[in-house]
N, C-alpha and C. Protein backbone atom coordinates (compact mmCIF):
# COMPACT_ATOMS: atom_id res chain seq x y z
N MET A 1 105.53 93.45 119.34
CA MET A 1 106.36 93.19 118.16
C MET A 1 107.70 93.90 118.29
N PRO A 2 108.84 93.18 118.13
CA PRO A 2 110.16 93.80 118.29
C PRO A 2 110.35 94.93 117.28
N LYS A 3 110.98 96.01 117.75
CA LYS A 3 111.24 97.13 116.85
C LYS A 3 112.59 96.97 116.17
N GLU A 4 112.85 97.85 115.22
CA GLU A 4 114.07 97.80 114.44
C GLU A 4 115.30 98.16 115.29
N THR A 5 116.41 97.48 115.00
CA THR A 5 117.67 97.77 115.69
C THR A 5 118.35 98.96 115.02
N ILE A 6 118.86 99.89 115.83
CA ILE A 6 119.50 101.10 115.31
C ILE A 6 120.94 101.17 115.81
N LEU A 7 121.85 101.42 114.90
CA LEU A 7 123.26 101.62 115.23
C LEU A 7 123.56 103.11 115.18
N ILE A 8 124.11 103.65 116.27
CA ILE A 8 124.51 105.06 116.33
C ILE A 8 126.03 105.13 116.25
N ILE A 9 126.54 105.91 115.30
CA ILE A 9 127.98 106.12 115.18
C ILE A 9 128.25 107.60 115.39
N ASP A 10 128.78 107.94 116.57
CA ASP A 10 129.04 109.33 116.93
C ASP A 10 130.11 109.36 118.01
N ASP A 11 131.08 110.27 117.89
CA ASP A 11 132.16 110.32 118.87
C ASP A 11 131.84 111.17 120.09
N GLU A 12 130.70 111.89 120.06
CA GLU A 12 130.31 112.72 121.20
C GLU A 12 129.49 111.87 122.19
N LYS A 13 130.06 111.63 123.36
CA LYS A 13 129.40 110.76 124.34
C LYS A 13 128.03 111.28 124.77
N ASP A 14 127.90 112.60 124.89
CA ASP A 14 126.60 113.17 125.30
C ASP A 14 125.52 112.89 124.26
N ILE A 15 125.90 113.02 122.98
CA ILE A 15 124.94 112.73 121.90
C ILE A 15 124.57 111.25 121.90
N LEU A 16 125.59 110.41 122.07
CA LEU A 16 125.33 108.96 122.12
C LEU A 16 124.34 108.61 123.23
N LYS A 17 124.58 109.15 124.42
CA LYS A 17 123.71 108.85 125.56
C LYS A 17 122.30 109.38 125.33
N LEU A 18 122.21 110.62 124.79
CA LEU A 18 120.91 111.22 124.52
C LEU A 18 120.10 110.38 123.53
N LEU A 19 120.73 110.00 122.44
CA LEU A 19 120.04 109.21 121.42
C LEU A 19 119.70 107.82 121.93
N GLN A 20 120.67 107.19 122.58
CA GLN A 20 120.42 105.83 123.10
C GLN A 20 119.26 105.83 124.09
N TYR A 21 119.23 106.79 124.99
CA TYR A 21 118.16 106.87 125.99
C TYR A 21 116.80 107.02 125.32
N ASN A 22 116.69 107.96 124.38
CA ASN A 22 115.40 108.24 123.76
C ASN A 22 114.96 107.14 122.80
N LEU A 23 115.89 106.53 122.10
CA LEU A 23 115.53 105.44 121.19
C LEU A 23 115.08 104.20 121.98
N GLU A 24 115.82 103.87 123.04
CA GLU A 24 115.43 102.72 123.86
C GLU A 24 114.11 102.98 124.56
N LYS A 25 113.87 104.24 124.91
CA LYS A 25 112.58 104.61 125.51
C LYS A 25 111.43 104.33 124.55
N GLU A 26 111.71 104.47 123.23
CA GLU A 26 110.71 104.19 122.19
C GLU A 26 110.63 102.71 121.83
N GLY A 27 111.52 101.91 122.44
CA GLY A 27 111.48 100.47 122.22
C GLY A 27 112.47 99.93 121.20
N TYR A 28 113.37 100.81 120.70
CA TYR A 28 114.35 100.36 119.70
C TYR A 28 115.58 99.78 120.39
N PRO A 29 116.02 98.58 120.01
CA PRO A 29 117.32 98.08 120.46
C PRO A 29 118.41 98.96 119.84
N VAL A 30 119.44 99.30 120.61
CA VAL A 30 120.45 100.25 120.15
C VAL A 30 121.86 99.67 120.26
N LEU A 31 122.66 99.89 119.20
CA LEU A 31 124.09 99.59 119.20
C LEU A 31 124.81 100.93 119.09
N THR A 32 126.01 101.04 119.66
CA THR A 32 126.74 102.30 119.59
C THR A 32 128.20 102.09 119.20
N ALA A 33 128.76 103.10 118.54
CA ALA A 33 130.18 103.10 118.19
C ALA A 33 130.65 104.55 118.18
N GLN A 34 131.92 104.77 118.54
CA GLN A 34 132.45 106.13 118.61
C GLN A 34 133.46 106.45 117.51
N THR A 35 133.73 105.47 116.65
CA THR A 35 134.60 105.71 115.50
C THR A 35 133.95 105.10 114.26
N GLY A 36 134.34 105.63 113.10
CA GLY A 36 133.81 105.11 111.86
C GLY A 36 134.20 103.67 111.62
N GLU A 37 135.45 103.35 111.96
CA GLU A 37 135.95 101.99 111.76
C GLU A 37 135.15 100.97 112.58
N THR A 38 134.93 101.30 113.86
CA THR A 38 134.18 100.40 114.74
C THR A 38 132.73 100.28 114.27
N GLY A 39 132.15 101.42 113.88
CA GLY A 39 130.77 101.42 113.42
C GLY A 39 130.59 100.58 112.17
N LEU A 40 131.57 100.67 111.25
CA LEU A 40 131.50 99.90 110.01
C LEU A 40 131.53 98.41 110.30
N GLU A 41 132.41 97.99 111.19
CA GLU A 41 132.49 96.57 111.55
C GLU A 41 131.22 96.10 112.24
N LEU A 42 130.66 96.94 113.11
CA LEU A 42 129.39 96.58 113.78
C LEU A 42 128.27 96.44 112.77
N ALA A 43 128.23 97.36 111.81
CA ALA A 43 127.17 97.30 110.78
C ALA A 43 127.27 96.01 109.98
N LYS A 44 128.49 95.59 109.65
CA LYS A 44 128.69 94.37 108.88
C LYS A 44 128.30 93.12 109.67
N SER A 45 128.67 93.11 110.96
CA SER A 45 128.45 91.91 111.77
C SER A 45 127.03 91.81 112.33
N LYS A 46 126.45 92.95 112.72
CA LYS A 46 125.13 92.94 113.37
C LYS A 46 123.98 93.25 112.42
N LYS A 47 124.29 93.87 111.27
CA LYS A 47 123.27 94.22 110.26
C LYS A 47 122.05 94.91 110.88
N PRO A 48 122.25 96.10 111.44
CA PRO A 48 121.12 96.85 112.03
C PRO A 48 120.12 97.26 110.96
N ASP A 49 118.95 97.68 111.40
CA ASP A 49 117.90 98.10 110.46
C ASP A 49 118.08 99.55 110.01
N LEU A 50 118.90 100.31 110.76
CA LEU A 50 119.17 101.70 110.39
C LEU A 50 120.45 102.15 111.09
N VAL A 51 121.19 103.05 110.43
CA VAL A 51 122.40 103.61 111.02
C VAL A 51 122.22 105.12 111.16
N ILE A 52 122.43 105.63 112.38
CA ILE A 52 122.51 107.08 112.60
C ILE A 52 123.99 107.41 112.59
N LEU A 53 124.41 108.25 111.65
CA LEU A 53 125.82 108.45 111.38
C LEU A 53 126.22 109.93 111.44
N ASP A 54 127.15 110.25 112.32
CA ASP A 54 127.67 111.61 112.41
C ASP A 54 128.72 111.81 111.32
N ILE A 55 128.70 112.97 110.67
CA ILE A 55 129.69 113.25 109.63
C ILE A 55 131.07 113.49 110.23
N MET A 56 131.11 114.28 111.32
CA MET A 56 132.39 114.67 111.93
C MET A 56 132.86 113.58 112.90
N LEU A 57 133.67 112.67 112.39
CA LEU A 57 134.22 111.58 113.22
C LEU A 57 135.74 111.61 113.16
N PRO A 58 136.40 111.16 114.22
CA PRO A 58 137.86 111.08 114.18
C PRO A 58 138.31 109.95 113.25
N GLY A 59 139.42 110.16 112.55
CA GLY A 59 139.88 109.13 111.62
C GLY A 59 138.99 109.08 110.39
N MET A 60 138.34 107.96 110.15
CA MET A 60 137.43 107.82 109.02
C MET A 60 136.17 108.64 109.27
N ASP A 61 135.92 109.64 108.44
CA ASP A 61 134.75 110.49 108.69
C ASP A 61 133.46 109.83 108.21
N GLY A 62 132.33 110.49 108.54
CA GLY A 62 131.03 109.90 108.25
C GLY A 62 130.74 109.73 106.77
N LEU A 63 131.26 110.63 105.94
CA LEU A 63 131.03 110.51 104.50
C LEU A 63 131.71 109.26 103.94
N GLU A 64 132.92 108.99 104.43
CA GLU A 64 133.63 107.78 103.99
C GLU A 64 132.91 106.52 104.50
N VAL A 65 132.43 106.57 105.74
CA VAL A 65 131.68 105.44 106.29
C VAL A 65 130.42 105.20 105.46
N CYS A 66 129.72 106.28 105.11
CA CYS A 66 128.51 106.17 104.29
C CYS A 66 128.82 105.51 102.96
N LYS A 67 129.88 105.95 102.33
CA LYS A 67 130.28 105.39 101.04
C LYS A 67 130.57 103.90 101.15
N LEU A 68 131.30 103.51 102.20
CA LEU A 68 131.64 102.10 102.39
C LEU A 68 130.42 101.26 102.74
N LEU A 69 129.50 101.82 103.53
CA LEU A 69 128.26 101.10 103.84
C LEU A 69 127.47 100.82 102.56
N ARG A 70 127.47 101.79 101.66
CA ARG A 70 126.71 101.66 100.42
C ARG A 70 127.34 100.72 99.40
N THR A 71 128.65 100.51 99.51
CA THR A 71 129.34 99.67 98.53
C THR A 71 129.72 98.30 99.09
N THR A 72 129.25 97.99 100.29
CA THR A 72 129.53 96.69 100.92
C THR A 72 128.26 95.85 100.89
N SER A 73 128.37 94.61 100.42
CA SER A 73 127.19 93.78 100.19
C SER A 73 126.34 93.58 101.44
N GLN A 74 127.00 93.43 102.62
CA GLN A 74 126.22 93.17 103.84
C GLN A 74 125.42 94.38 104.30
N THR A 75 125.82 95.59 103.88
CA THR A 75 125.22 96.80 104.44
C THR A 75 124.59 97.74 103.41
N LYS A 76 124.65 97.39 102.14
CA LYS A 76 124.27 98.34 101.08
C LYS A 76 122.80 98.77 101.13
N ASN A 77 121.93 97.96 101.76
CA ASN A 77 120.51 98.31 101.80
C ASN A 77 120.05 98.89 103.14
N ILE A 78 120.99 99.11 104.06
CA ILE A 78 120.62 99.65 105.37
C ILE A 78 120.41 101.16 105.25
N PRO A 79 119.26 101.70 105.66
CA PRO A 79 119.06 103.16 105.63
C PRO A 79 120.06 103.88 106.52
N ILE A 80 120.54 105.03 106.05
CA ILE A 80 121.51 105.82 106.79
C ILE A 80 120.91 107.20 107.08
N PHE A 81 120.90 107.57 108.36
CA PHE A 81 120.42 108.88 108.79
C PHE A 81 121.61 109.67 109.29
N MET A 82 121.94 110.77 108.61
CA MET A 82 123.16 111.51 108.93
C MET A 82 122.93 112.65 109.90
N LEU A 83 123.89 112.82 110.82
CA LEU A 83 123.92 113.97 111.72
C LEU A 83 125.00 114.92 111.21
N THR A 84 124.65 116.18 111.01
CA THR A 84 125.63 117.13 110.48
C THR A 84 125.77 118.33 111.40
N ALA A 85 126.93 119.00 111.31
CA ALA A 85 127.12 120.24 112.04
C ALA A 85 126.34 121.34 111.33
N LYS A 86 126.09 122.45 112.02
CA LYS A 86 125.36 123.55 111.39
C LYS A 86 126.17 124.13 110.23
N ASN A 87 125.44 124.66 109.25
CA ASN A 87 126.06 125.37 108.12
C ASN A 87 127.02 124.49 107.32
N THR A 88 126.71 123.20 107.17
CA THR A 88 127.54 122.34 106.33
C THR A 88 126.68 121.79 105.20
N GLU A 89 126.13 122.70 104.41
CA GLU A 89 125.23 122.30 103.32
C GLU A 89 125.91 121.38 102.32
N VAL A 90 127.19 121.65 102.05
CA VAL A 90 127.92 120.82 101.10
C VAL A 90 127.98 119.37 101.59
N ASP A 91 128.31 119.20 102.88
CA ASP A 91 128.36 117.85 103.46
C ASP A 91 127.01 117.16 103.38
N GLN A 92 125.95 117.92 103.61
CA GLN A 92 124.60 117.35 103.56
C GLN A 92 124.29 116.86 102.16
N VAL A 93 124.61 117.66 101.16
CA VAL A 93 124.36 117.29 99.77
C VAL A 93 125.18 116.07 99.39
N VAL A 94 126.46 116.09 99.75
CA VAL A 94 127.34 114.95 99.44
C VAL A 94 126.83 113.69 100.12
N GLY A 95 126.40 113.82 101.38
CA GLY A 95 125.88 112.66 102.10
C GLY A 95 124.67 112.05 101.42
N LEU A 96 123.75 112.89 100.96
CA LEU A 96 122.57 112.40 100.25
C LEU A 96 122.96 111.76 98.93
N GLU A 97 123.93 112.36 98.24
CA GLU A 97 124.38 111.79 96.97
C GLU A 97 125.07 110.45 97.15
N LEU A 98 125.70 110.26 98.32
CA LEU A 98 126.36 108.98 98.61
C LEU A 98 125.37 107.90 99.02
N GLY A 99 124.11 108.30 99.28
CA GLY A 99 123.10 107.29 99.60
C GLY A 99 122.45 107.41 100.95
N ALA A 100 122.69 108.50 101.68
CA ALA A 100 122.00 108.69 102.96
C ALA A 100 120.51 108.89 102.70
N SER A 101 119.68 108.39 103.61
CA SER A 101 118.23 108.50 103.44
C SER A 101 117.70 109.86 103.89
N ASP A 102 118.36 110.44 104.89
CA ASP A 102 117.92 111.74 105.42
C ASP A 102 119.04 112.28 106.30
N TYR A 103 118.90 113.53 106.74
CA TYR A 103 119.89 114.12 107.64
C TYR A 103 119.21 115.13 108.54
N ILE A 104 119.88 115.46 109.63
CA ILE A 104 119.40 116.52 110.52
C ILE A 104 120.64 117.23 111.08
N ALA A 105 120.54 118.55 111.23
CA ALA A 105 121.68 119.33 111.71
C ALA A 105 121.69 119.42 113.23
N LYS A 106 122.88 119.40 113.79
CA LYS A 106 123.05 119.61 115.24
C LYS A 106 123.04 121.11 115.53
N PRO A 107 122.50 121.56 116.66
CA PRO A 107 121.70 120.78 117.63
C PRO A 107 120.33 120.46 117.03
N PHE A 108 119.77 119.34 117.44
CA PHE A 108 118.52 118.90 116.82
C PHE A 108 117.47 118.60 117.89
N SER A 109 116.23 118.56 117.43
CA SER A 109 115.11 118.17 118.29
C SER A 109 114.98 116.65 118.25
N VAL A 110 115.00 116.03 119.42
CA VAL A 110 114.85 114.58 119.48
C VAL A 110 113.52 114.14 118.89
N LYS A 111 112.46 114.91 119.14
CA LYS A 111 111.14 114.56 118.61
C LYS A 111 111.13 114.58 117.09
N VAL A 112 111.78 115.57 116.50
CA VAL A 112 111.86 115.65 115.04
C VAL A 112 112.67 114.48 114.50
N LEU A 113 113.78 114.19 115.14
CA LEU A 113 114.61 113.07 114.70
C LEU A 113 113.83 111.76 114.74
N LEU A 114 113.11 111.51 115.83
CA LEU A 114 112.31 110.29 115.96
C LEU A 114 111.25 110.20 114.87
N ALA A 115 110.61 111.34 114.57
CA ALA A 115 109.58 111.35 113.53
C ALA A 115 110.17 111.01 112.18
N ARG A 116 111.37 111.54 111.90
CA ARG A 116 112.01 111.27 110.61
C ARG A 116 112.45 109.81 110.51
N LEU A 117 112.93 109.24 111.62
CA LEU A 117 113.30 107.83 111.62
C LEU A 117 112.09 106.95 111.33
N LYS A 118 110.96 107.29 111.95
CA LYS A 118 109.74 106.51 111.72
C LYS A 118 109.30 106.60 110.26
N ASN A 119 109.51 107.77 109.64
CA ASN A 119 109.18 107.92 108.22
C ASN A 119 110.05 107.02 107.35
N ILE A 120 111.34 106.91 107.71
CA ILE A 120 112.25 106.05 106.95
C ILE A 120 111.81 104.59 107.06
N PHE A 121 111.48 104.16 108.28
CA PHE A 121 111.04 102.78 108.49
C PHE A 121 109.72 102.51 107.76
N ARG A 122 108.82 103.51 107.79
CA ARG A 122 107.53 103.37 107.11
C ARG A 122 107.72 103.22 105.60
N ALA A 123 108.60 104.04 105.04
CA ALA A 123 108.87 103.97 103.61
C ALA A 123 109.50 102.63 103.23
N LYS A 124 110.39 102.14 104.11
CA LYS A 124 111.04 100.85 103.86
C LYS A 124 110.02 99.72 103.88
N THR A 125 109.08 99.78 104.83
CA THR A 125 108.03 98.76 104.93
C THR A 125 107.13 98.79 103.70
N ASN A 126 106.75 100.00 103.29
CA ASN A 126 105.89 100.14 102.10
C ASN A 126 106.56 99.61 100.85
N GLN A 127 107.87 99.90 100.72
CA GLN A 127 108.61 99.43 99.56
C GLN A 127 108.68 97.91 99.56
N LYS A 128 108.89 97.33 100.74
CA LYS A 128 108.96 95.87 100.84
C LYS A 128 107.63 95.24 100.45
N GLU A 129 106.53 95.84 100.89
CA GLU A 129 105.21 95.31 100.57
C GLU A 129 104.93 95.41 99.07
N GLU A 130 105.39 96.53 98.47
CA GLU A 130 105.15 96.73 97.04
C GLU A 130 105.91 95.74 96.18
N THR A 131 107.12 95.35 96.64
CA THR A 131 107.95 94.47 95.83
C THR A 131 107.85 93.00 96.24
N ALA A 132 107.03 92.69 97.24
CA ALA A 132 106.93 91.30 97.71
C ALA A 132 106.27 90.41 96.69
N VAL A 133 105.33 90.97 95.90
CA VAL A 133 104.63 90.19 94.89
C VAL A 133 104.98 90.74 93.50
N LEU A 134 105.52 89.88 92.65
CA LEU A 134 105.86 90.25 91.28
C LEU A 134 104.85 89.65 90.33
N LYS A 135 104.36 90.45 89.38
CA LYS A 135 103.39 89.97 88.40
C LYS A 135 103.88 90.29 87.00
N ALA A 136 103.81 89.29 86.12
CA ALA A 136 104.17 89.49 84.72
C ALA A 136 103.26 88.59 83.88
N GLY A 137 102.22 89.20 83.30
CA GLY A 137 101.26 88.40 82.55
C GLY A 137 100.60 87.36 83.44
N ASP A 138 100.74 86.09 83.07
CA ASP A 138 100.14 84.99 83.84
C ASP A 138 101.03 84.53 84.99
N PHE A 139 102.22 85.13 85.11
CA PHE A 139 103.16 84.73 86.15
C PHE A 139 102.97 85.59 87.39
N VAL A 140 102.93 84.94 88.56
CA VAL A 140 102.87 85.67 89.83
C VAL A 140 103.84 85.02 90.81
N ILE A 141 104.75 85.83 91.35
CA ILE A 141 105.70 85.34 92.35
C ILE A 141 105.48 86.09 93.65
N ASP A 142 105.28 85.34 94.74
CA ASP A 142 105.20 85.92 96.08
C ASP A 142 106.53 85.64 96.76
N LYS A 143 107.36 86.67 96.88
CA LYS A 143 108.72 86.48 97.38
C LYS A 143 108.77 86.15 98.86
N GLU A 144 107.77 86.61 99.63
CA GLU A 144 107.76 86.31 101.06
C GLU A 144 107.34 84.86 101.31
N LYS A 145 106.36 84.39 100.54
CA LYS A 145 105.86 83.03 100.73
C LYS A 145 106.61 82.00 99.88
N LEU A 146 107.54 82.48 99.03
CA LEU A 146 108.27 81.60 98.11
C LEU A 146 107.29 80.77 97.29
N HIS A 147 106.32 81.49 96.71
CA HIS A 147 105.22 80.83 95.99
C HIS A 147 105.15 81.37 94.57
N PHE A 148 105.09 80.47 93.58
CA PHE A 148 105.04 80.87 92.18
C PHE A 148 103.85 80.18 91.50
N THR A 149 103.06 80.97 90.76
CA THR A 149 101.91 80.41 90.04
C THR A 149 101.90 80.90 88.59
N VAL A 150 101.34 80.07 87.74
CA VAL A 150 101.08 80.43 86.34
C VAL A 150 99.60 80.22 86.09
N LYS A 151 98.89 81.29 85.74
CA LYS A 151 97.43 81.26 85.58
C LYS A 151 96.75 80.72 86.82
N GLY A 152 97.30 81.06 87.98
CA GLY A 152 96.71 80.66 89.25
C GLY A 152 97.10 79.28 89.72
N LYS A 153 97.81 78.52 88.88
CA LYS A 153 98.20 77.16 89.26
C LYS A 153 99.63 77.17 89.83
N PRO A 154 99.83 76.59 91.01
CA PRO A 154 101.17 76.57 91.62
C PRO A 154 102.17 75.79 90.78
N VAL A 155 103.37 76.32 90.66
CA VAL A 155 104.47 75.64 89.98
C VAL A 155 105.59 75.48 91.00
N PRO A 156 105.92 74.24 91.38
CA PRO A 156 106.94 74.02 92.41
C PRO A 156 108.34 74.38 91.89
N LEU A 157 109.04 75.22 92.64
CA LEU A 157 110.42 75.58 92.30
C LEU A 157 111.32 75.33 93.51
N THR A 158 112.56 74.95 93.24
CA THR A 158 113.52 74.87 94.33
C THR A 158 113.88 76.30 94.75
N LYS A 159 114.55 76.43 95.88
CA LYS A 159 114.92 77.76 96.37
C LYS A 159 115.80 78.50 95.36
N LEU A 160 116.75 77.79 94.77
CA LEU A 160 117.66 78.43 93.81
C LEU A 160 116.93 78.80 92.52
N GLU A 161 116.03 77.93 92.08
CA GLU A 161 115.23 78.26 90.89
C GLU A 161 114.36 79.48 91.15
N PHE A 162 113.81 79.55 92.34
CA PHE A 162 112.97 80.68 92.72
C PHE A 162 113.76 81.98 92.68
N ARG A 163 114.98 81.94 93.18
CA ARG A 163 115.83 83.14 93.19
C ARG A 163 116.13 83.63 91.77
N ILE A 164 116.46 82.69 90.89
CA ILE A 164 116.77 83.06 89.51
C ILE A 164 115.55 83.68 88.83
N LEU A 165 114.41 83.02 88.93
CA LEU A 165 113.21 83.52 88.26
C LEU A 165 112.78 84.86 88.84
N SER A 166 112.86 85.02 90.16
CA SER A 166 112.51 86.29 90.78
C SER A 166 113.38 87.42 90.26
N PHE A 167 114.69 87.16 90.21
CA PHE A 167 115.64 88.18 89.77
C PHE A 167 115.37 88.57 88.31
N LEU A 168 115.13 87.60 87.46
CA LEU A 168 114.86 87.89 86.05
C LEU A 168 113.55 88.64 85.88
N MET A 169 112.51 88.25 86.65
CA MET A 169 111.22 88.93 86.55
C MET A 169 111.28 90.36 87.05
N GLU A 170 112.17 90.63 88.00
CA GLU A 170 112.32 91.99 88.50
C GLU A 170 112.98 92.91 87.47
N ASN A 171 113.61 92.30 86.47
CA ASN A 171 114.35 93.08 85.47
C ASN A 171 113.98 92.63 84.06
N PRO A 172 112.71 92.72 83.67
CA PRO A 172 112.28 92.22 82.36
C PRO A 172 113.00 92.92 81.21
N GLY A 173 113.42 92.12 80.24
CA GLY A 173 114.08 92.67 79.06
C GLY A 173 115.57 92.87 79.20
N ARG A 174 116.08 92.86 80.43
CA ARG A 174 117.52 93.07 80.65
C ARG A 174 118.26 91.74 80.54
N VAL A 175 119.38 91.77 79.85
CA VAL A 175 120.18 90.56 79.67
C VAL A 175 121.20 90.47 80.80
N PHE A 176 121.28 89.27 81.41
CA PHE A 176 122.23 89.06 82.50
C PHE A 176 123.16 87.91 82.18
N SER A 177 124.44 88.16 82.32
CA SER A 177 125.42 87.08 82.18
C SER A 177 125.25 86.14 83.37
N ARG A 178 125.91 84.99 83.29
CA ARG A 178 125.85 84.06 84.42
C ARG A 178 126.40 84.71 85.68
N ASP A 179 127.51 85.46 85.53
CA ASP A 179 128.11 86.13 86.70
C ASP A 179 127.13 87.10 87.34
N LYS A 180 126.41 87.88 86.50
CA LYS A 180 125.45 88.85 87.02
C LYS A 180 124.30 88.14 87.72
N LEU A 181 123.87 87.00 87.17
CA LEU A 181 122.80 86.24 87.81
C LEU A 181 123.27 85.68 89.15
N LEU A 182 124.51 85.23 89.19
CA LEU A 182 125.06 84.73 90.46
C LEU A 182 125.06 85.84 91.50
N SER A 183 125.48 87.03 91.08
CA SER A 183 125.55 88.16 92.00
C SER A 183 124.15 88.60 92.43
N GLY A 184 123.22 88.68 91.47
CA GLY A 184 121.88 89.16 91.76
C GLY A 184 121.01 88.16 92.49
N ALA A 185 121.08 86.89 92.09
CA ALA A 185 120.21 85.88 92.67
C ALA A 185 120.78 85.24 93.92
N TRP A 186 122.11 85.13 93.98
CA TRP A 186 122.72 84.48 95.14
C TRP A 186 123.54 85.42 96.00
N GLY A 187 123.69 86.68 95.56
CA GLY A 187 124.51 87.61 96.31
C GLY A 187 125.99 87.24 96.25
N GLY A 188 126.38 86.51 95.18
CA GLY A 188 127.79 86.18 95.02
C GLY A 188 128.28 85.07 95.92
N GLU A 189 127.38 84.22 96.41
CA GLU A 189 127.79 83.13 97.30
C GLU A 189 128.79 82.23 96.59
N ALA A 190 129.91 81.97 97.23
CA ALA A 190 131.06 81.34 96.58
C ALA A 190 130.82 79.88 96.17
N PHE A 191 129.89 79.20 96.84
CA PHE A 191 129.74 77.78 96.55
C PHE A 191 128.99 77.52 95.25
N VAL A 192 128.44 78.55 94.63
CA VAL A 192 127.69 78.38 93.39
C VAL A 192 128.60 78.68 92.20
N ILE A 193 128.74 77.75 91.25
CA ILE A 193 129.55 78.00 90.06
C ILE A 193 128.65 78.43 88.92
N ASP A 194 129.25 79.11 87.91
CA ASP A 194 128.42 79.74 86.90
C ASP A 194 127.57 78.74 86.11
N ARG A 195 128.08 77.55 85.83
CA ARG A 195 127.31 76.58 85.06
C ARG A 195 126.08 76.07 85.81
N THR A 196 126.06 76.30 87.13
CA THR A 196 124.87 75.95 87.90
C THR A 196 123.66 76.71 87.37
N VAL A 197 123.88 77.93 86.90
CA VAL A 197 122.78 78.74 86.36
C VAL A 197 122.13 78.01 85.19
N ASP A 198 122.95 77.45 84.29
CA ASP A 198 122.41 76.74 83.12
C ASP A 198 121.53 75.57 83.55
N VAL A 199 122.00 74.83 84.55
CA VAL A 199 121.24 73.67 85.03
C VAL A 199 119.88 74.10 85.57
N HIS A 200 119.88 75.17 86.37
CA HIS A 200 118.63 75.60 86.97
C HIS A 200 117.70 76.26 85.96
N VAL A 201 118.26 76.98 84.99
CA VAL A 201 117.42 77.57 83.95
C VAL A 201 116.72 76.46 83.14
N ARG A 202 117.45 75.41 82.82
CA ARG A 202 116.84 74.29 82.10
C ARG A 202 115.70 73.68 82.92
N SER A 203 115.93 73.55 84.22
CA SER A 203 114.90 72.98 85.10
C SER A 203 113.67 73.89 85.17
N ILE A 204 113.89 75.18 85.28
CA ILE A 204 112.76 76.14 85.32
C ILE A 204 111.96 76.06 84.03
N ARG A 205 112.67 76.06 82.91
CA ARG A 205 111.98 76.00 81.60
C ARG A 205 111.14 74.73 81.48
N LYS A 206 111.67 73.63 81.96
CA LYS A 206 110.92 72.36 81.90
C LYS A 206 109.62 72.47 82.69
N LYS A 207 109.69 73.13 83.85
CA LYS A 207 108.51 73.28 84.70
C LYS A 207 107.51 74.28 84.12
N LEU A 208 108.00 75.23 83.32
CA LEU A 208 107.12 76.23 82.71
C LEU A 208 106.34 75.67 81.52
N GLY A 209 106.80 74.55 80.97
CA GLY A 209 106.07 73.94 79.85
C GLY A 209 105.96 74.86 78.65
N LYS A 210 104.75 75.17 78.24
CA LYS A 210 104.56 75.99 77.04
C LYS A 210 105.03 77.43 77.22
N TYR A 211 105.30 77.80 78.47
CA TYR A 211 105.81 79.14 78.75
C TYR A 211 107.33 79.18 78.83
N ARG A 212 107.98 78.10 78.45
CA ARG A 212 109.43 77.99 78.63
C ARG A 212 110.21 79.11 77.95
N ASP A 213 109.67 79.64 76.84
CA ASP A 213 110.38 80.67 76.10
C ASP A 213 110.33 82.04 76.79
N MET A 214 109.64 82.14 77.93
CA MET A 214 109.65 83.40 78.67
C MET A 214 111.05 83.72 79.19
N ILE A 215 111.85 82.67 79.41
CA ILE A 215 113.26 82.88 79.74
C ILE A 215 114.06 82.68 78.47
N GLU A 216 114.57 83.77 77.93
CA GLU A 216 115.25 83.75 76.65
C GLU A 216 116.76 83.63 76.83
N THR A 217 117.39 82.85 75.95
CA THR A 217 118.84 82.75 75.92
C THR A 217 119.35 83.76 74.90
N VAL A 218 120.27 84.61 75.34
CA VAL A 218 120.93 85.55 74.43
C VAL A 218 122.31 84.96 74.16
N ARG A 219 122.48 84.42 72.97
CA ARG A 219 123.68 83.65 72.66
C ARG A 219 124.96 84.43 72.94
N GLY A 220 125.86 83.78 73.66
CA GLY A 220 127.14 84.39 73.96
C GLY A 220 127.11 85.42 75.08
N THR A 221 125.90 85.67 75.62
CA THR A 221 125.80 86.71 76.66
C THR A 221 125.19 86.18 77.95
N GLY A 222 123.96 85.65 77.87
CA GLY A 222 123.33 85.17 79.09
C GLY A 222 121.84 84.95 78.91
N TYR A 223 121.06 85.39 79.91
CA TYR A 223 119.61 85.15 79.91
C TYR A 223 118.84 86.43 80.19
N ARG A 224 117.57 86.45 79.75
CA ARG A 224 116.68 87.54 80.09
C ARG A 224 115.25 87.03 80.18
N PHE A 225 114.44 87.75 80.92
CA PHE A 225 113.01 87.45 81.02
C PHE A 225 112.30 88.27 79.96
N SER A 226 111.48 87.60 79.15
CA SER A 226 110.83 88.26 78.03
C SER A 226 109.93 89.40 78.50
N GLU A 227 109.97 90.52 77.80
CA GLU A 227 109.09 91.63 78.12
C GLU A 227 107.67 91.35 77.66
N LYS A 228 107.52 90.36 76.78
CA LYS A 228 106.18 89.95 76.33
C LYS A 228 105.65 88.91 77.31
N ALA A 229 105.31 89.38 78.49
CA ALA A 229 105.00 88.47 79.59
C ALA A 229 103.75 87.65 79.35
N GLY A 230 103.94 86.34 79.51
CA GLY A 230 102.86 85.37 79.55
C GLY A 230 101.78 85.56 78.54
């Protein structure tokens, strides 16, 4: 089974070689960059499964790269493992607050680093498994299989309908404008216009039959999934 791809962003060639050698030895495909700017572009284009990021970089430093990775749609969910210099507790705290998953200080033990990376991947896998199936009363959505049932009976949904219902079920009781639904369900894909949401909500409600009121219209604002599930 192919392992996760890891992007290393570090300007020290010896560190790059050390990490690349040991990660590839463990079976991980590796990408490398020696500047924050190059690393950021690689992360956007290649979408690695994890980024190992040095704080001390020439030009754009690691904290700025971390911030941009977290605020960019293509990279916001990629785990970030930070490498820090010794005695830089402030940088470590700031890095974690910006969204880094973990950090290790230089010089570091390769074995410890590998163990921590495996923990990050394990946690990510567990989280994915936990959120793959959504349940709300009689409603069950399997996000991996794109399967939706009500009281055990399959209800056919189009891909776009499935995205809307999944997003609403993940956030019961919260009201979402059309724009927020576009961003949450489609990731802001430009070809979808806001009134498309109305069309698909009507279609979902028709398919839900007597459960149609589970998707509530909040006049002048948007839609929400009822907290009084099924």
